[in-house]
C-alpha atoms as a PDB file:
ATOM      1  CA  MET A   1       0.000   0.000   0.000  1.00  0.00           C
ATOM      2  CA  GLU A   2       1.342   3.421  -0.950  1.00  0.00           C
ATOM      3  CA  THR A   3       1.710   5.690   2.078  1.00  0.00           C
ATOM      4  CA  VAL A   4       2.395   9.329   2.862  1.00  0.00           C
ATOM      5  CA  THR A   5       3.867  10.850   6.020  1.00  0.00           C
ATOM      6  CA  ILE A   6       1.879  13.643   7.623  1.00  0.00           C
ATOM      7  CA  PHE A   7       2.812  15.777  10.614  1.00  0.00           C
ATOM      8  CA  GLY A   8       1.017  17.967  13.108  1.00  0.00           C
ATOM      9  CA  LEU A   9      -1.564  17.157  15.786  1.00  0.00           C
ATOM     10  CA  ARG A  10      -4.573  18.592  13.988  1.00  0.00           C
ATOM     11  CA  ALA A  11      -3.635  17.080  10.619  1.00  0.00           C
ATOM     12  CA  ILE A  12      -3.482  13.614  12.195  1.00  0.00           C
ATOM     13  CA  LEU A  13      -6.788  14.126  14.017  1.00  0.00           C
ATOM     14  CA  GLU A  14      -8.440  15.223  10.769  1.00  0.00           C
ATOM     15  CA  ALA A  15      -7.062  12.153   8.989  1.00  0.00           C
ATOM     16  CA  ILE A  16      -8.507   9.826  11.642  1.00  0.00           C
ATOM     17  CA  GLN A  17     -11.870  11.613  11.684  1.00  0.00           C
ATOM     18  CA  SER A  18     -12.030  11.359   7.890  1.00  0.00           C
ATOM     19  CA  GLY A  19     -11.659   7.592   8.065  1.00  0.00           C
ATOM     20  CA  LYS A  20      -8.159   7.420   6.597  1.00  0.00           C
ATOM     21  CA  SER A  21      -6.206   4.213   7.136  1.00  0.00           C
ATOM     22  CA  ILE A  22      -3.537   5.045   9.751  1.00  0.00           C
ATOM     23  CA  ASP A  23      -0.478   2.785   9.694  1.00  0.00           C
ATOM     24  CA  ARG A  24       1.288   4.152  12.776  1.00  0.00           C
ATOM     25  CA  VAL A  25       1.731   7.340  14.798  1.00  0.00           C
ATOM     26  CA  TRP A  26       4.901   8.567  16.504  1.00  0.00           C
ATOM     27  CA  LEU A  27       4.556  11.010  19.417  1.00  0.00           C
ATOM     28  CA  LEU A  28       7.127  13.165  21.180  1.00  0.00           C
ATOM     29  CA  LYS A  29       7.864  12.083  24.746  1.00  0.00           C
ATOM     30  CA  GLY A  30       6.763  14.566  27.379  1.00  0.00           C
ATOM     31  CA  THR A  31       4.428  16.630  25.175  1.00  0.00           C
ATOM     32  CA  LYS A  32       1.598  18.240  27.117  1.00  0.00           C
ATOM     33  CA  SER A  33      -1.317  20.122  25.572  1.00  0.00           C
ATOM     34  CA  THR A  34      -5.076  19.784  25.277  1.00  0.00           C
ATOM     35  CA  LEU A  35      -4.804  18.888  21.593  1.00  0.00           C
ATOM     36  CA  PHE A  36      -2.119  16.290  22.317  1.00  0.00           C
ATOM     37  CA  GLU A  37      -4.336  14.680  24.974  1.00  0.00           C
ATOM     38  CA  GLU A  38      -7.249  14.676  22.517  1.00  0.00           C
ATOM     39  CA  LEU A  39      -5.109  12.897  19.924  1.00  0.00           C
ATOM     40  CA  LEU A  40      -3.998  10.320  22.506  1.00  0.00           C
ATOM     41  CA  HIS A  41      -7.623   9.637  23.422  1.00  0.00           C
ATOM     42  CA  VAL A  42      -8.626   9.227  19.753  1.00  0.00           C
ATOM     43  CA  LEU A  43      -5.679   6.913  19.054  1.00  0.00           C
ATOM     44  CA  ARG A  44      -6.554   4.672  22.000  1.00  0.00           C
ATOM     45  CA  SER A  45     -10.287   4.710  21.209  1.00  0.00           C
ATOM     46  CA  ASN A  46      -9.624   3.635  17.616  1.00  0.00           C
ATOM     47  CA  ASN A  47      -6.919   1.077  18.481  1.00  0.00           C
ATOM     48  CA  ILE A  48      -4.352   2.863  16.322  1.00  0.00           C
ATOM     49  CA  ALA A  49      -0.751   1.847  16.910  1.00  0.00           C
ATOM     50  CA  PHE A  50       1.416   4.617  18.352  1.00  0.00           C
ATOM     51  CA  SER A  51       4.686   5.007  20.213  1.00  0.00           C
ATOM     52  CA  PHE A  52       6.503   7.707  22.187  1.00  0.00           C
ATOM     53  CA  VAL A  53       9.857   8.676  20.720  1.00  0.00           C
ATOM     54  CA  PRO A  54      12.574  11.311  21.338  1.00  0.00           C
ATOM     55  CA  VAL A  55      12.607  14.480  19.240  1.00  0.00           C
ATOM     56  CA  GLU A  56      15.576  13.219  17.215  1.00  0.00           C
ATOM     57  CA  ARG A  57      13.410  10.415  15.843  1.00  0.00           C
ATOM     58  CA  LEU A  58      10.638  12.826  14.784  1.00  0.00           C
ATOM     59  CA  ASN A  59      13.137  15.172  13.187  1.00  0.00           C
ATOM     60  CA  ARG A  60      14.263  12.316  10.952  1.00  0.00           C
ATOM     61  CA  PHE A  61      10.726  12.125   9.561  1.00  0.00           C
ATOM     62  CA  SER A  62      10.413  15.833   8.945  1.00  0.00           C
ATOM     63  CA  ASP A  63      12.242  19.094   9.498  1.00  0.00           C
ATOM     64  CA  LYS A  64       8.862  20.839   9.472  1.00  0.00           C
ATOM     65  CA  ASN A  65       6.896  22.002  12.519  1.00  0.00           C
ATOM     66  CA  HIS A  66       5.629  18.533  13.427  1.00  0.00           C
ATOM     67  CA  GLN A  67       4.184  19.663  16.812  1.00  0.00           C
ATOM     68  CA  GLY A  68       5.425  16.447  18.377  1.00  0.00           C
ATOM     69  CA  ALA A  69       3.362  14.119  16.187  1.00  0.00           C
ATOM     70  CA  VAL A  70       4.045  12.272  12.925  1.00  0.00           C
ATOM     71  CA  ALA A  71       1.866   9.657  11.242  1.00  0.00           C
ATOM     72  CA  ARG A  72       2.111   7.324   8.298  1.00  0.00           C
ATOM     73  CA  ILE A  73      -1.196   7.041   6.464  1.00  0.00           C
ATOM     74  CA  ALA A  74      -2.549   5.611   3.241  1.00  0.00           C
ATOM     75  CA  ALA A  75      -1.784   7.953   0.358  1.00  0.00           C
ATOM     76  CA  LEU A  76      -4.412  10.561  -0.474  1.00  0.00           C
ATOM     77  CA  ALA A  77      -6.847   8.970  -2.876  1.00  0.00           C
ATOM     78  CA  THR A  78      -7.746  10.558  -6.206  1.00  0.00           C
ATOM     79  CA  LEU A  79     -10.909   9.809  -8.149  1.00  0.00           C
ATOM     80  CA  GLU A  80     -11.723   9.176 -11.787  1.00  0.00           C
ATOM     81  CA  MET A  81     -12.963  12.291 -13.547  1.00  0.00           C
ATOM     82  CA  GLU A  82     -16.071  11.027 -15.371  1.00  0.00           C
ATOM     83  CA  PRO A  83     -17.798   9.096 -12.559  1.00  0.00           C
ATOM     84  CA  LEU A  84     -16.966  11.903 -10.095  1.00  0.00           C
ATOM     85  CA  ILE A  85     -18.631  14.545 -12.270  1.00  0.00           C
ATOM     86  CA  GLU A  86     -21.621  12.264 -12.949  1.00  0.00           C
ATOM     87  CA  LYS A  87     -22.128  11.614  -9.231  1.00  0.00           C
ATOM     88  CA  ILE A  88     -21.931  15.305  -8.335  1.00  0.00           C
ATOM     89  CA  MET A  89     -24.248  16.364 -11.163  1.00  0.00           C
ATOM     90  CA  GLU A  90     -26.849  13.848 -10.003  1.00  0.00           C
ATOM     91  CA  ALA A  91     -26.619  14.973  -6.375  1.00  0.00           C
ATOM     92  CA  LYS A  92     -26.402  18.769  -6.725  1.00  0.00           C
ATOM     93  CA  LYS A  93     -28.295  21.342  -8.739  1.00  0.00           C
ATOM     94  CA  ASN A  94     -25.574  24.010  -8.750  1.00  0.00           C
ATOM     95  CA  PRO A  95     -22.192  22.381  -8.122  1.00  0.00           C
ATOM     96  CA  ILE A  96     -18.860  24.205  -8.025  1.00  0.00           C
ATOM     97  CA  PHE A  97     -15.915  22.563  -9.785  1.00  0.00           C
ATOM     98  CA  VAL A  98     -12.344  23.902  -9.623  1.00  0.00           C
ATOM     99  CA  LEU A  99      -9.557  23.265 -12.146  1.00  0.00           C
ATOM    100  CA  LEU A 100      -5.982  24.104 -11.124  1.00  0.00           C
ATOM    101  CA  ASP A 101      -3.695  24.692 -14.102  1.00  0.00           C
ATOM    102  CA  GLY A 102      -0.016  24.517 -13.152  1.00  0.00           C
ATOM    103  CA  ILE A 103      -0.233  24.990  -9.362  1.00  0.00           C
ATOM    104  CA  THR A 104       3.021  23.366  -8.222  1.00  0.00           C
ATOM    105  CA  ASP A 105       3.586  24.828  -4.742  1.00  0.00           C
ATOM    106  CA  THR A 106       2.396  22.406  -2.034  1.00  0.00           C
ATOM    107  CA  ARG A 107       1.531  25.149   0.446  1.00  0.00           C
ATOM    108  CA  ASN A 108      -0.565  26.999  -2.125  1.00  0.00           C
ATOM    109  CA  PHE A 109      -2.328  23.766  -3.033  1.00  0.00           C
ATOM    110  CA  GLY A 110      -2.987  22.984   0.635  1.00  0.00           C
ATOM    111  CA  ALA A 111      -4.343  26.487   1.263  1.00  0.00           C
ATOM    112  CA  ILE A 112      -6.624  26.172  -1.785  1.00  0.00           C
ATOM    113  CA  LEU A 113      -7.987  22.872  -0.439  1.00  0.00           C
ATOM    114  CA  ARG A 114      -8.614  24.535   2.917  1.00  0.00           C
ATOM    115  CA  SER A 115     -10.631  27.357   1.331  1.00  0.00           C
ATOM    116  CA  ALA A 116     -12.412  24.896  -0.974  1.00  0.00           C
ATOM    117  CA  ALA A 117     -13.528  22.783   1.986  1.00  0.00           C
ATOM    118  CA  ALA A 118     -14.719  25.879   3.856  1.00  0.00           C
ATOM    119  CA  THR A 119     -16.833  27.104   0.931  1.00  0.00           C
ATOM    120  CA  GLY A 120     -18.337  23.825  -0.258  1.00  0.00           C
ATOM    121  CA  VAL A 121     -16.410  23.298  -3.486  1.00  0.00           C
ATOM    122  CA  ASP A 122     -17.550  19.936  -4.866  1.00  0.00           C
ATOM    123  CA  ALA A 123     -14.385  18.722  -6.624  1.00  0.00           C
ATOM    124  CA  ILE A 124     -10.899  19.830  -7.638  1.00  0.00           C
ATOM    125  CA  PHE A 125      -9.170  18.680 -10.825  1.00  0.00           C
ATOM    126  CA  ILE A 126      -5.406  18.726 -11.329  1.00  0.00           C
ATOM    127  CA  PRO A 127      -3.165  17.459 -14.151  1.00  0.00           C
ATOM    128  CA  THR A 128      -0.996  14.398 -13.555  1.00  0.00           C
ATOM    129  CA  SER A 129       2.098  16.395 -14.500  1.00  0.00           C
ATOM    130  CA  GLY A 130       2.938  19.966 -13.563  1.00  0.00           C
ATOM    131  CA  SER A 131       0.963  19.893 -10.322  1.00  0.00           C
ATOM    132  CA  ALA A 132       1.869  19.870  -6.631  1.00  0.00           C
ATOM    133  CA  PRO A 133       2.286  16.378  -5.141  1.00  0.00           C
ATOM    134  CA  LEU A 134      -0.304  15.142  -2.668  1.00  0.00           C
ATOM    135  CA  ASN A 135       2.125  14.946   0.252  1.00  0.00           C
ATOM    136  CA  GLY A 136       2.330  15.816   3.946  1.00  0.00           C
ATOM    137  CA  ASP A 137       2.883  19.523   3.283  1.00  0.00           C
ATOM    138  CA  VAL A 138      -0.405  19.667   1.381  1.00  0.00           C
ATOM    139  CA  VAL A 139      -2.250  17.800   4.139  1.00  0.00           C
ATOM    140  CA  LYS A 140      -0.927  20.012   6.950  1.00  0.00           C
ATOM    141  CA  THR A 141      -1.516  23.302   5.113  1.00  0.00           C
ATOM    142  CA  SER A 142      -5.027  22.220   4.126  1.00  0.00           C
ATOM    143  CA  ALA A 143      -6.007  21.824   7.818  1.00  0.00           C
ATOM    144  CA  GLY A 144      -8.077  18.762   6.909  1.00  0.00           C
ATOM    145  CA  GLY A 145      -9.359  20.124   3.603  1.00  0.00           C
ATOM    146  CA  ALA A 146      -7.361  17.460   1.767  1.00  0.00           C
ATOM    147  CA  PHE A 147      -9.678  14.854   3.299  1.00  0.00           C
ATOM    148  CA  LYS A 148     -12.918  16.738   2.615  1.00  0.00           C
ATOM    149  CA  VAL A 149     -12.749  17.823  -1.054  1.00  0.00           C
ATOM    150  CA  PRO A 150     -12.687  15.123  -3.777  1.00  0.00           C
ATOM    151  CA  ILE A 151      -9.563  15.406  -5.950  1.00  0.00           C
ATOM    152  CA  SER A 152      -9.270  14.039  -9.485  1.00  0.00           C
ATOM    153  CA  LYS A 153      -6.040  13.724 -11.447  1.00  0.00           C
ATOM    154  CA  VAL A 154      -6.373  13.841 -15.226  1.00  0.00           C
ATOM    155  CA  GLN A 155      -3.962  13.625 -18.142  1.00  0.00           C
ATOM    156  CA  HIS A 156      -5.257  16.872 -19.634  1.00  0.00           C
ATOM    157  CA  LEU A 157      -7.425  19.523 -17.977  1.00  0.00           C
ATOM    158  CA  LYS A 158      -8.978  20.213 -21.381  1.00  0.00           C
ATOM    159  CA  ASP A 159     -10.750  16.854 -21.075  1.00  0.00           C
ATOM    160  CA  VAL A 160     -12.446  18.099 -17.905  1.00  0.00           C
ATOM    161  CA  VAL A 161     -13.547  21.318 -19.653  1.00  0.00           C
ATOM    162  CA  TYR A 162     -15.065  19.403 -22.577  1.00  0.00           C
ATOM    163  CA  TYR A 163     -16.782  16.916 -20.283  1.00  0.00           C
ATOM    164  CA  LEU A 164     -18.275  19.733 -18.199  1.00  0.00           C
ATOM    165  CA  LYS A 165     -19.408  21.531 -21.361  1.00  0.00           C
ATOM    166  CA  ALA A 166     -21.250  18.362 -22.378  1.00  0.00           C
ATOM    167  CA  HIS A 167     -23.105  18.629 -19.057  1.00  0.00           C
ATOM    168  CA  GLU A 168     -23.851  22.317 -19.684  1.00  0.00           C
ATOM    169  CA  VAL A 169     -21.566  23.497 -16.892  1.00  0.00           C
ATOM    170  CA  PRO A 170     -20.066  26.879 -17.888  1.00  0.00           C
ATOM    171  CA  THR A 171     -16.344  27.431 -17.392  1.00  0.00           C
ATOM    172  CA  LEU A 172     -14.934  30.663 -15.975  1.00  0.00           C
ATOM    173  CA  GLY A 173     -11.219  31.416 -16.117  1.00  0.00           C
ATOM    174  CA  ILE A 174      -9.802  33.776 -13.494  1.00  0.00           C
ATOM    175  CA  THR A 175      -7.321  35.918 -15.415  1.00  0.00           C
ATOM    176  CA  GLU A 176      -6.229  39.529 -15.651  1.00  0.00           C
ATOM    177  CA  LYS A 177      -6.635  39.301 -19.463  1.00  0.00           C
ATOM    178  CA  THR A 178     -10.180  40.693 -19.409  1.00  0.00           C
ATOM    179  CA  PRO A 179     -11.918  43.923 -18.375  1.00  0.00           C
ATOM    180  CA  ILE A 180     -14.747  42.018 -16.636  1.00  0.00           C
ATOM    181  CA  THR A 181     -14.501  41.520 -12.864  1.00  0.00           C
ATOM    182  CA  ILE A 182     -15.806  38.597 -10.812  1.00  0.00           C
ATOM    183  CA  TYR A 183     -18.381  40.992  -9.298  1.00  0.00           C
ATOM    184  CA  GLU A 184     -19.977  41.451 -12.715  1.00  0.00           C
ATOM    185  CA  GLU A 185     -20.260  37.717 -13.352  1.00  0.00           C
ATOM    186  CA  ASP A 186     -23.228  35.525 -12.476  1.00  0.00           C
ATOM    187  CA  LEU A 187     -21.755  32.791 -10.252  1.00  0.00           C
ATOM    188  CA  LYS A 188     -25.011  31.318  -8.957  1.00  0.00           C
ATOM    189  CA  GLY A 189     -25.573  28.319 -11.254  1.00  0.00           C
ATOM    190  CA  PRO A 190     -23.438  25.236 -12.003  1.00  0.00           C
ATOM    191  CA  LEU A 191     -19.894  26.498 -12.459  1.00  0.00           C
ATOM    192  CA  ALA A 192     -16.332  25.439 -13.164  1.00  0.00           C
ATOM    193  CA  LEU A 193     -13.630  27.865 -12.022  1.00  0.00           C
ATOM    194  CA  ILE A 194     -10.164  27.704 -13.611  1.00  0.00           C
ATOM    195  CA  PHE A 195      -7.072  29.123 -11.909  1.00  0.00           C
ATOM    196  CA  GLY A 196      -3.536  29.264 -13.278  1.00  0.00           C
ATOM    197  CA  SER A 197      -0.110  29.683 -11.730  1.00  0.00           C
ATOM    198  CA  GLU A 198       1.045  33.114 -10.557  1.00  0.00           C
ATOM    199  CA  ASP A 199       3.907  33.333 -13.048  1.00  0.00           C
ATOM    200  CA  VAL A 200       2.192  32.344 -16.321  1.00  0.00           C
ATOM    201  CA  GLY A 201      -1.499  32.178 -15.392  1.00  0.00           C
ATOM    202  CA  ILE A 202      -3.924  29.897 -17.213  1.00  0.00           C
ATOM    203  CA  SER A 203      -2.277  28.248 -20.208  1.00  0.00           C
ATOM    204  CA  GLY A 204      -3.074  29.634 -23.671  1.00  0.00           C
ATOM    205  CA  GLY A 205      -4.704  26.402 -24.802  1.00  0.00           C
ATOM    206  CA  MET A 206      -7.092  26.455 -21.843  1.00  0.00           C
ATOM    207  CA  LEU A 207      -7.948  30.136 -22.309  1.00  0.00           C
ATOM    208  CA  LYS A 208      -9.081  29.379 -25.870  1.00  0.00           C
ATOM    209  CA  ILE A 209     -11.677  26.792 -24.877  1.00  0.00           C
ATOM    210  CA  ILE A 210     -13.232  28.196 -21.704  1.00  0.00           C
ATOM    211  CA  ASP A 211     -16.550  30.042 -21.907  1.00  0.00           C
ATOM    212  CA  ARG A 212     -15.895  33.203 -19.933  1.00  0.00           C
ATOM    213  CA  LYS A 213     -13.095  35.134 -18.251  1.00  0.00           C
ATOM    214  CA  ALA A 214     -13.097  37.381 -15.194  1.00  0.00           C
ATOM    215  CA  LYS A 215     -10.533  39.127 -13.039  1.00  0.00           C
ATOM    216  CA  ILE A 216     -10.182  40.156  -9.415  1.00  0.00           C
ATOM    217  CA  PRO A 217     -10.010  43.965  -9.376  1.00  0.00           C
ATOM    218  CA  MET A 218      -6.804  45.406  -7.895  1.00  0.00           C
ATOM    219  CA  VAL A 219      -5.379  48.871  -7.431  1.00  0.00           C
ATOM    220  CA  GLU A 220      -2.926  50.182 -10.003  1.00  0.00           C
ATOM    221  CA  GLY A 221       0.583  48.804  -9.690  1.00  0.00           C
ATOM    222  CA  ILE A 222      -0.469  45.400  -8.327  1.00  0.00           C
ATOM    223  CA  ASP A 223      -0.546  42.717 -10.994  1.00  0.00           C
ATOM    224  CA  SER A 224      -1.592  39.569  -9.149  1.00  0.00           C
ATOM    225  CA  LEU A 225      -2.451  37.889  -5.863  1.00  0.00           C
ATOM    226  CA  ASN A 226      -1.038  34.716  -4.407  1.00  0.00           C
ATOM    227  CA  VAL A 227      -3.063  32.001  -6.164  1.00  0.00           C
ATOM    228  CA  SER A 228      -4.430  30.562  -2.912  1.00  0.00           C
ATOM    229  CA  VAL A 229      -5.637  34.039  -1.897  1.00  0.00           C
ATOM    230  CA  ALA A 230      -7.174  34.525  -5.350  1.00  0.00           C
ATOM    231  CA  CYS A 231      -9.031  31.238  -4.999  1.00  0.00           C
ATOM    232  CA  ALA A 232     -10.385  32.228  -1.582  1.00  0.00           C
ATOM    233  CA  VAL A 233     -11.596  35.600  -2.911  1.00  0.00           C
ATOM    234  CA  VAL A 234     -13.444  33.959  -5.815  1.00  0.00           C
ATOM    235  CA  PHE A 235     -14.843  31.109  -3.703  1.00  0.00           C
ATOM    236  CA  TYR A 236     -16.323  33.552  -1.203  1.00  0.00           C
ATOM    237  CA  GLU A 237     -17.774  35.803  -3.902  1.00  0.00           C
ATOM    238  CA  THR A 238     -19.427  32.678  -5.319  1.00  0.00           C
ATOM    239  CA  ILE A 239     -20.875  31.869  -1.894  1.00  0.00           C
ATOM    240  CA  ARG A 240     -21.977  35.496  -1.398  1.00  0.00           C
ATOM    241  CA  GLN A 241     -23.969  35.439  -4.634  1.00  0.00           C
ATOM    242  CA  ARG A 242     -25.610  32.139  -3.710  1.00  0.00           C
ATOM    243  CA  VAL A 243     -26.677  33.037  -0.154  1.00  0.00           C
END
């Protein structure tokens, strides 16, 4: 079974609560906090193997801020694109899909998952190449969002666009290459949002096939936002229009 190492008390708690298969947990000797005691209780209640180790052992797993807890879990699962879209379309009248084109930074990806989980995004699609790996950094930064939002890996994001078009789901690219702002767009119906990397944005091929484009308005002299911040802004405007 393919595994991934995650670190941090809350990340491990979220993994357990989401039903992930936990192989083993390593805890720092002498740690005392309410969250640490909560994790201990959950580990014992679920009969999950754990052991107390010195800090040197934890540091071998990760040089990150592990908060005195490291776990080995089953790798984050990804889903097939077509059945995922079909299932969501059957269950929801106005779903929100998100396509990430060239987002390679794990912390940005984790932050996007966190915002997506908080705003009810139904699925995220990423390409198999040129995308951030689904590793422990993503899990920790997502604060559990990695376990709550379905993720699908596809060979080409264009396939997702065409499949959504066949289901009459409009596609909206977030790009500065348009005079129209997100506040002028109707975001209330079924919708697919496309975001590109900060350096090159949405790829030219994708821009040619999407239905509409909109930008986040910014004061003069500022060209772009961090992509995870941009996602959060657009997600919450979508929610605002739907409330």
